């Protein structure tokens, strides 16, 4: 899949407690799962890199388009996981990964950047629970990031099937719906930005373009 250019390296910061890109002592899995694991890990890192860059205030004018692209792409990755049969981890018990990834700094950075645009309303479940609930882009996107990091930590330790199982399970049970809701909100923001312009200003711009 096409990469999203963010201007930040495809790696993670030690103080953020994220896993490294290197995979040590990887378990042996079939070629298809190995490739899927590698591609999913790469896309997860790309998504995290975009969130970190946006949350740090880099290119604020491009923040919404970057988040729209990154969220769309990670949902494509999730859809691939949801479309295949259930991944069975090699071990029956999840290895202890230590402390959880701290997303508060990332959440705070996104919330500050998205002031006035952060909150939105969505349907809880279009099939079973049509009631509305309020959410925030900063909250949902950082929860997606947390789930992806959890799988990346398994992947970095060489537990490929465990990482794929976690990414697949958490996509179906949690982060897939969070990312989908955030994507809908981001698309709505982009739509309003592009289409809610003053009609007179648009007409003047069109006239200038035609008679330039």
C-alpha atoms as a PDB file:
ATOM      1  CA  UNK A   1       0.000   0.000   0.000  1.00  0.00           C
ATOM      2  CA  UNK A   2       1.106   3.571  -0.575  1.00  0.00           C
ATOM      3  CA  UNK A   3       3.000   5.189   2.274  1.00  0.00           C
ATOM      4  CA  UNK A   4       1.938   8.461   3.895  1.00  0.00           C
ATOM      5  CA  UNK A   5       4.782  10.954   3.886  1.00  0.00           C
ATOM      6  CA  UNK A   6       4.981  12.530   7.348  1.00  0.00           C
ATOM      7  CA  UNK A   7       8.481  13.898   7.573  1.00  0.00           C
ATOM      8  CA  UNK A   8       9.178  11.702  10.596  1.00  0.00           C
ATOM      9  CA  UNK A   9      11.168   8.451  10.684  1.00  0.00           C
ATOM     10  CA  UNK A  10       9.469   5.069  10.531  1.00  0.00           C
ATOM     11  CA  UNK A  11      10.464   4.297  14.108  1.00  0.00           C
ATOM     12  CA  UNK A  12       9.422   4.976  17.673  1.00  0.00           C
ATOM     13  CA  UNK A  13      10.836   7.025  20.550  1.00  0.00           C
ATOM     14  CA  UNK A  14      12.299   5.178  23.588  1.00  0.00           C
ATOM     15  CA  UNK A  15      10.671   7.508  26.094  1.00  0.00           C
ATOM     16  CA  UNK A  16       7.270   6.725  24.602  1.00  0.00           C
ATOM     17  CA  UNK A  17       7.787   3.041  25.524  1.00  0.00           C
ATOM     18  CA  UNK A  18       7.108   1.928  21.957  1.00  0.00           C
ATOM     19  CA  UNK A  19       8.757  -1.186  20.472  1.00  0.00           C
ATOM     20  CA  UNK A  20      11.649  -1.007  18.073  1.00  0.00           C
ATOM     21  CA  UNK A  21      11.355  -1.877  14.389  1.00  0.00           C
ATOM     22  CA  UNK A  22      13.646  -4.903  14.759  1.00  0.00           C
ATOM     23  CA  UNK A  23      12.140  -8.351  15.207  1.00  0.00           C
ATOM     24  CA  UNK A  24      14.240 -10.715  17.304  1.00  0.00           C
ATOM     25  CA  UNK A  25      13.925 -14.511  17.472  1.00  0.00           C
ATOM     26  CA  UNK A  26      10.775 -14.528  15.345  1.00  0.00           C
ATOM     27  CA  UNK A  27       8.621 -17.636  15.496  1.00  0.00           C
ATOM     28  CA  UNK A  28       8.213 -19.644  12.311  1.00  0.00           C
ATOM     29  CA  UNK A  29       4.867 -19.028  10.598  1.00  0.00           C
ATOM     30  CA  UNK A  30       3.725 -19.656   7.059  1.00  0.00           C
ATOM     31  CA  UNK A  31       4.740 -17.147   4.395  1.00  0.00           C
ATOM     32  CA  UNK A  32       1.312 -15.521   4.072  1.00  0.00           C
ATOM     33  CA  UNK A  33       1.058 -14.803   7.796  1.00  0.00           C
ATOM     34  CA  UNK A  34       4.655 -13.627   7.931  1.00  0.00           C
ATOM     35  CA  UNK A  35       3.997 -11.150   5.127  1.00  0.00           C
ATOM     36  CA  UNK A  36       0.733  -9.998   6.702  1.00  0.00           C
ATOM     37  CA  UNK A  37       2.504  -9.482  10.012  1.00  0.00           C
ATOM     38  CA  UNK A  38       5.261  -7.445   8.400  1.00  0.00           C
ATOM     39  CA  UNK A  39       2.825  -5.287   6.440  1.00  0.00           C
ATOM     40  CA  UNK A  40       0.543  -4.747   9.442  1.00  0.00           C
ATOM     41  CA  UNK A  41       3.471  -3.765  11.646  1.00  0.00           C
ATOM     42  CA  UNK A  42       4.646  -1.287   9.013  1.00  0.00           C
ATOM     43  CA  UNK A  43       1.206   0.286   8.630  1.00  0.00           C
ATOM     44  CA  UNK A  44       0.822   0.483  12.412  1.00  0.00           C
ATOM     45  CA  UNK A  45       4.121   2.346  12.679  1.00  0.00           C
ATOM     46  CA  UNK A  46       3.066   4.694   9.883  1.00  0.00           C
ATOM     47  CA  UNK A  47      -0.188   5.499  11.691  1.00  0.00           C
ATOM     48  CA  UNK A  48       1.651   6.112  14.956  1.00  0.00           C
ATOM     49  CA  UNK A  49       4.199   8.330  13.195  1.00  0.00           C
ATOM     50  CA  UNK A  50       1.416  10.506  11.775  1.00  0.00           C
ATOM     51  CA  UNK A  51      -0.319  10.818  15.153  1.00  0.00           C
ATOM     52  CA  UNK A  52       2.933  11.738  16.873  1.00  0.00           C
ATOM     53  CA  UNK A  53       3.772  14.345  14.238  1.00  0.00           C
ATOM     54  CA  UNK A  54       0.287  15.873  14.316  1.00  0.00           C
ATOM     55  CA  UNK A  55       0.114  15.776  18.109  1.00  0.00           C
ATOM     56  CA  UNK A  56       3.500  17.503  18.314  1.00  0.00           C
ATOM     57  CA  UNK A  57       2.129  20.388  16.246  1.00  0.00           C
ATOM     58  CA  UNK A  58       4.037  19.693  13.031  1.00  0.00           C
ATOM     59  CA  UNK A  59       2.305  21.106   9.913  1.00  0.00           C
ATOM     60  CA  UNK A  60      -0.878  22.179  11.750  1.00  0.00           C
ATOM     61  CA  UNK A  61      -2.452  23.394   8.509  1.00  0.00           C
ATOM     62  CA  UNK A  62      -2.281  19.815   7.179  1.00  0.00           C
ATOM     63  CA  UNK A  63      -3.359  18.105  10.409  1.00  0.00           C
ATOM     64  CA  UNK A  64      -6.886  17.141   9.338  1.00  0.00           C
ATOM     65  CA  UNK A  65      -5.887  15.830   5.861  1.00  0.00           C
ATOM     66  CA  UNK A  66      -3.017  13.838   7.409  1.00  0.00           C
ATOM     67  CA  UNK A  67      -5.295  12.318  10.044  1.00  0.00           C
ATOM     68  CA  UNK A  68      -7.896  11.527   7.367  1.00  0.00           C
ATOM     69  CA  UNK A  69      -5.326   9.714   5.225  1.00  0.00           C
ATOM     70  CA  UNK A  70      -3.707   7.869   8.141  1.00  0.00           C
ATOM     71  CA  UNK A  71      -7.044   6.721   9.590  1.00  0.00           C
ATOM     72  CA  UNK A  72      -8.280   5.595   6.171  1.00  0.00           C
ATOM     73  CA  UNK A  73      -5.119   3.587   5.593  1.00  0.00           C
ATOM     74  CA  UNK A  74      -5.088   1.873   8.984  1.00  0.00           C
ATOM     75  CA  UNK A  75      -8.739   0.900   8.425  1.00  0.00           C
ATOM     76  CA  UNK A  76      -7.725  -0.780   5.158  1.00  0.00           C
ATOM     77  CA  UNK A  77      -5.137  -2.716   7.155  1.00  0.00           C
ATOM     78  CA  UNK A  78      -7.765  -3.637   9.725  1.00  0.00           C
ATOM     79  CA  UNK A  79     -10.209  -4.734   7.044  1.00  0.00           C
ATOM     80  CA  UNK A  80      -7.631  -7.190   5.728  1.00  0.00           C
ATOM     81  CA  UNK A  81      -7.322  -8.660   9.223  1.00  0.00           C
ATOM     82  CA  UNK A  82     -11.095  -8.849   9.569  1.00  0.00           C
ATOM     83  CA  UNK A  83     -11.506 -10.553   6.204  1.00  0.00           C
ATOM     84  CA  UNK A  84      -9.218 -13.516   6.890  1.00  0.00           C
ATOM     85  CA  UNK A  85      -9.981 -16.513   9.080  1.00  0.00           C
ATOM     86  CA  UNK A  86      -9.186 -16.268  12.781  1.00  0.00           C
ATOM     87  CA  UNK A  87      -5.488 -16.219  13.564  1.00  0.00           C
ATOM     88  CA  UNK A  88      -4.555 -18.754  16.243  1.00  0.00           C
ATOM     89  CA  UNK A  89      -1.606 -17.703  18.410  1.00  0.00           C
ATOM     90  CA  UNK A  90       1.182 -20.186  18.937  1.00  0.00           C
ATOM     91  CA  UNK A  91       0.865 -19.876  22.729  1.00  0.00           C
ATOM     92  CA  UNK A  92      -2.353 -20.168  24.723  1.00  0.00           C
ATOM     93  CA  UNK A  93      -1.385 -17.484  27.228  1.00  0.00           C
ATOM     94  CA  UNK A  94      -0.375 -13.944  26.376  1.00  0.00           C
ATOM     95  CA  UNK A  95       3.162 -13.053  27.410  1.00  0.00           C
ATOM     96  CA  UNK A  96       3.566 -10.333  30.025  1.00  0.00           C
ATOM     97  CA  UNK A  97       4.441  -7.112  28.193  1.00  0.00           C
ATOM     98  CA  UNK A  98       5.010  -5.042  31.292  1.00  0.00           C
ATOM     99  CA  UNK A  99       3.459  -1.601  31.681  1.00  0.00           C
ATOM    100  CA  UNK A 100       0.940  -0.416  29.135  1.00  0.00           C
ATOM    101  CA  UNK A 101       1.755   2.271  26.598  1.00  0.00           C
ATOM    102  CA  UNK A 102       1.069   5.745  28.032  1.00  0.00           C
ATOM    103  CA  UNK A 103      -1.114   7.586  25.525  1.00  0.00           C
ATOM    104  CA  UNK A 104      -1.915  10.631  27.655  1.00  0.00           C
ATOM    105  CA  UNK A 105       0.767  12.888  26.140  1.00  0.00           C
ATOM    106  CA  UNK A 106      -0.402  11.968  22.662  1.00  0.00           C
ATOM    107  CA  UNK A 107      -4.052  12.451  23.609  1.00  0.00           C
ATOM    108  CA  UNK A 108      -3.335  15.874  25.127  1.00  0.00           C
ATOM    109  CA  UNK A 109      -1.402  17.004  22.063  1.00  0.00           C
ATOM    110  CA  UNK A 110      -4.179  16.001  19.677  1.00  0.00           C
ATOM    111  CA  UNK A 111      -6.869  17.516  21.914  1.00  0.00           C
ATOM    112  CA  UNK A 112      -5.023  20.840  22.021  1.00  0.00           C
ATOM    113  CA  UNK A 113      -4.567  20.883  18.257  1.00  0.00           C
ATOM    114  CA  UNK A 114      -8.195  19.924  17.577  1.00  0.00           C
ATOM    115  CA  UNK A 115      -9.756  22.450  19.960  1.00  0.00           C
ATOM    116  CA  UNK A 116     -13.253  23.217  18.674  1.00  0.00           C
ATOM    117  CA  UNK A 117     -13.276  20.186  16.359  1.00  0.00           C
ATOM    118  CA  UNK A 118     -12.468  17.358  18.756  1.00  0.00           C
ATOM    119  CA  UNK A 119     -15.963  16.313  19.877  1.00  0.00           C
ATOM    120  CA  UNK A 120     -18.451  14.537  17.636  1.00  0.00           C
ATOM    121  CA  UNK A 121     -21.542  12.322  17.855  1.00  0.00           C
ATOM    122  CA  UNK A 122     -21.919   8.820  16.445  1.00  0.00           C
ATOM    123  CA  UNK A 123     -24.256   5.812  16.564  1.00  0.00           C
ATOM    124  CA  UNK A 124     -23.186   3.246  19.155  1.00  0.00           C
ATOM    125  CA  UNK A 125     -23.945   0.238  16.916  1.00  0.00           C
ATOM    126  CA  UNK A 126     -25.922   0.605  13.658  1.00  0.00           C
ATOM    127  CA  UNK A 127     -27.239  -2.969  13.974  1.00  0.00           C
ATOM    128  CA  UNK A 128     -28.084  -3.379  17.651  1.00  0.00           C
ATOM    129  CA  UNK A 129     -27.812  -0.053  19.480  1.00  0.00           C
ATOM    130  CA  UNK A 130     -28.915   2.917  17.363  1.00  0.00           C
ATOM    131  CA  UNK A 131     -28.638   5.407  20.245  1.00  0.00           C
ATOM    132  CA  UNK A 132     -26.136   8.227  19.903  1.00  0.00           C
ATOM    133  CA  UNK A 133     -23.000   8.692  21.974  1.00  0.00           C
ATOM    134  CA  UNK A 134     -20.413  11.462  22.113  1.00  0.00           C
ATOM    135  CA  UNK A 135     -16.760  10.832  21.344  1.00  0.00           C
ATOM    136  CA  UNK A 136     -13.575  12.776  20.734  1.00  0.00           C
ATOM    137  CA  UNK A 137     -11.110  12.413  17.898  1.00  0.00           C
ATOM    138  CA  UNK A 138      -8.193  12.717  20.302  1.00  0.00           C
ATOM    139  CA  UNK A 139      -9.582   9.971  22.535  1.00  0.00           C
ATOM    140  CA  UNK A 140     -10.551   7.514  19.811  1.00  0.00           C
ATOM    141  CA  UNK A 141      -7.369   7.912  17.775  1.00  0.00           C
ATOM    142  CA  UNK A 142      -5.127   7.428  20.790  1.00  0.00           C
ATOM    143  CA  UNK A 143      -7.059   4.303  21.790  1.00  0.00           C
ATOM    144  CA  UNK A 144      -6.438   2.969  18.275  1.00  0.00           C
ATOM    145  CA  UNK A 145      -2.764   3.825  18.732  1.00  0.00           C
ATOM    146  CA  UNK A 146      -2.651   1.985  22.068  1.00  0.00           C
ATOM    147  CA  UNK A 147      -4.080  -1.192  20.523  1.00  0.00           C
ATOM    148  CA  UNK A 148      -1.622  -1.038  17.640  1.00  0.00           C
ATOM    149  CA  UNK A 149       1.335  -0.529  19.994  1.00  0.00           C
ATOM    150  CA  UNK A 150       0.288  -3.563  22.030  1.00  0.00           C
ATOM    151  CA  UNK A 151       0.518  -5.720  18.913  1.00  0.00           C
ATOM    152  CA  UNK A 152       3.792  -4.088  17.861  1.00  0.00           C
ATOM    153  CA  UNK A 153       5.375  -5.047  21.161  1.00  0.00           C
ATOM    154  CA  UNK A 154       4.489  -8.710  20.552  1.00  0.00           C
ATOM    155  CA  UNK A 155       5.785  -8.405  17.001  1.00  0.00           C
ATOM    156  CA  UNK A 156       9.087  -6.870  18.115  1.00  0.00           C
ATOM    157  CA  UNK A 157       9.586  -9.851  20.465  1.00  0.00           C
ATOM    158  CA  UNK A 158       9.122 -12.248  17.550  1.00  0.00           C
ATOM    159  CA  UNK A 159       5.620 -13.433  18.534  1.00  0.00           C
ATOM    160  CA  UNK A 160       4.140 -12.926  15.074  1.00  0.00           C
ATOM    161  CA  UNK A 161       1.002 -15.022  15.506  1.00  0.00           C
ATOM    162  CA  UNK A 162       0.309 -13.375  18.878  1.00  0.00           C
ATOM    163  CA  UNK A 163       0.662  -9.927  17.313  1.00  0.00           C
ATOM    164  CA  UNK A 164      -1.652 -10.825  14.433  1.00  0.00           C
ATOM    165  CA  UNK A 165      -4.161 -12.401  16.775  1.00  0.00           C
ATOM    166  CA  UNK A 166      -4.208  -9.270  18.930  1.00  0.00           C
ATOM    167  CA  UNK A 167      -4.474  -6.874  15.996  1.00  0.00           C
ATOM    168  CA  UNK A 168      -7.290  -8.943  14.485  1.00  0.00           C
ATOM    169  CA  UNK A 169      -9.225  -9.430  17.723  1.00  0.00           C
ATOM    170  CA  UNK A 170      -8.905  -5.807  18.837  1.00  0.00           C
ATOM    171  CA  UNK A 171      -9.859  -4.565  15.351  1.00  0.00           C
ATOM    172  CA  UNK A 172     -13.084  -6.563  15.443  1.00  0.00           C
ATOM    173  CA  UNK A 173     -13.894  -5.811  19.077  1.00  0.00           C
ATOM    174  CA  UNK A 174     -12.691  -2.252  19.572  1.00  0.00           C
ATOM    175  CA  UNK A 175     -10.305  -0.202  17.473  1.00  0.00           C
ATOM    176  CA  UNK A 176     -12.013  -0.872  14.135  1.00  0.00           C
ATOM    177  CA  UNK A 177     -15.205   0.859  15.252  1.00  0.00           C
ATOM    178  CA  UNK A 178     -13.235   3.638  16.957  1.00  0.00           C
ATOM    179  CA  UNK A 179     -11.242   4.323  13.804  1.00  0.00           C
ATOM    180  CA  UNK A 180     -14.369   4.145  11.630  1.00  0.00           C
ATOM    181  CA  UNK A 181     -16.144   6.716  13.815  1.00  0.00           C
ATOM    182  CA  UNK A 182     -13.114   8.994  13.773  1.00  0.00           C
ATOM    183  CA  UNK A 183     -12.856   8.658  10.001  1.00  0.00           C
ATOM    184  CA  UNK A 184     -16.493   9.685   9.567  1.00  0.00           C
ATOM    185  CA  UNK A 185     -15.892  12.736  11.767  1.00  0.00           C
ATOM    186  CA  UNK A 186     -12.714  13.680   9.901  1.00  0.00           C
ATOM    187  CA  UNK A 187     -14.468  13.320   6.554  1.00  0.00           C
ATOM    188  CA  UNK A 188     -17.254  15.566   7.838  1.00  0.00           C
ATOM    189  CA  UNK A 189     -14.742  18.206   8.943  1.00  0.00           C
ATOM    190  CA  UNK A 190     -13.039  18.130   5.531  1.00  0.00           C
ATOM    191  CA  UNK A 191     -16.424  18.374   3.814  1.00  0.00           C
ATOM    192  CA  UNK A 192     -17.432  21.427   5.841  1.00  0.00           C
ATOM    193  CA  UNK A 193     -14.076  23.106   5.286  1.00  0.00           C
ATOM    194  CA  UNK A 194     -14.280  22.632   1.528  1.00  0.00           C
ATOM    195  CA  UNK A 195     -18.001  23.128   0.939  1.00  0.00           C
ATOM    196  CA  UNK A 196     -19.124  25.676   3.518  1.00  0.00           C
ATOM    197  CA  UNK A 197     -17.204  28.567   1.975  1.00  0.00           C
ATOM    198  CA  UNK A 198     -18.958  31.874   1.389  1.00  0.00           C
ATOM    199  CA  UNK A 199     -20.742  31.733  -1.985  1.00  0.00           C
ATOM    200  CA  UNK A 200     -19.671  35.244  -2.946  1.00  0.00           C
ATOM    201  CA  UNK A 201     -16.026  34.455  -2.221  1.00  0.00           C
ATOM    202  CA  UNK A 202     -16.258  31.271  -4.276  1.00  0.00           C
ATOM    203  CA  UNK A 203     -17.838  33.146  -7.206  1.00  0.00           C
ATOM    204  CA  UNK A 204     -15.121  35.780  -7.119  1.00  0.00           C
ATOM    205  CA  UNK A 205     -12.430  33.114  -7.088  1.00  0.00           C
ATOM    206  CA  UNK A 206     -14.049  31.334 -10.039  1.00  0.00           C
ATOM    207  CA  UNK A 207     -14.331  34.630 -11.981  1.00  0.00           C
ATOM    208  CA  UNK A 208     -10.676  35.460 -11.326  1.00  0.00           C
ATOM    209  CA  UNK A 209      -9.614  31.966 -12.415  1.00  0.00           C
ATOM    210  CA  UNK A 210     -11.610  32.151 -15.644  1.00  0.00           C
ATOM    211  CA  UNK A 211     -10.388  35.656 -16.597  1.00  0.00           C
ATOM    212  CA  UNK A 212      -6.809  35.371 -15.474  1.00  0.00           C
END
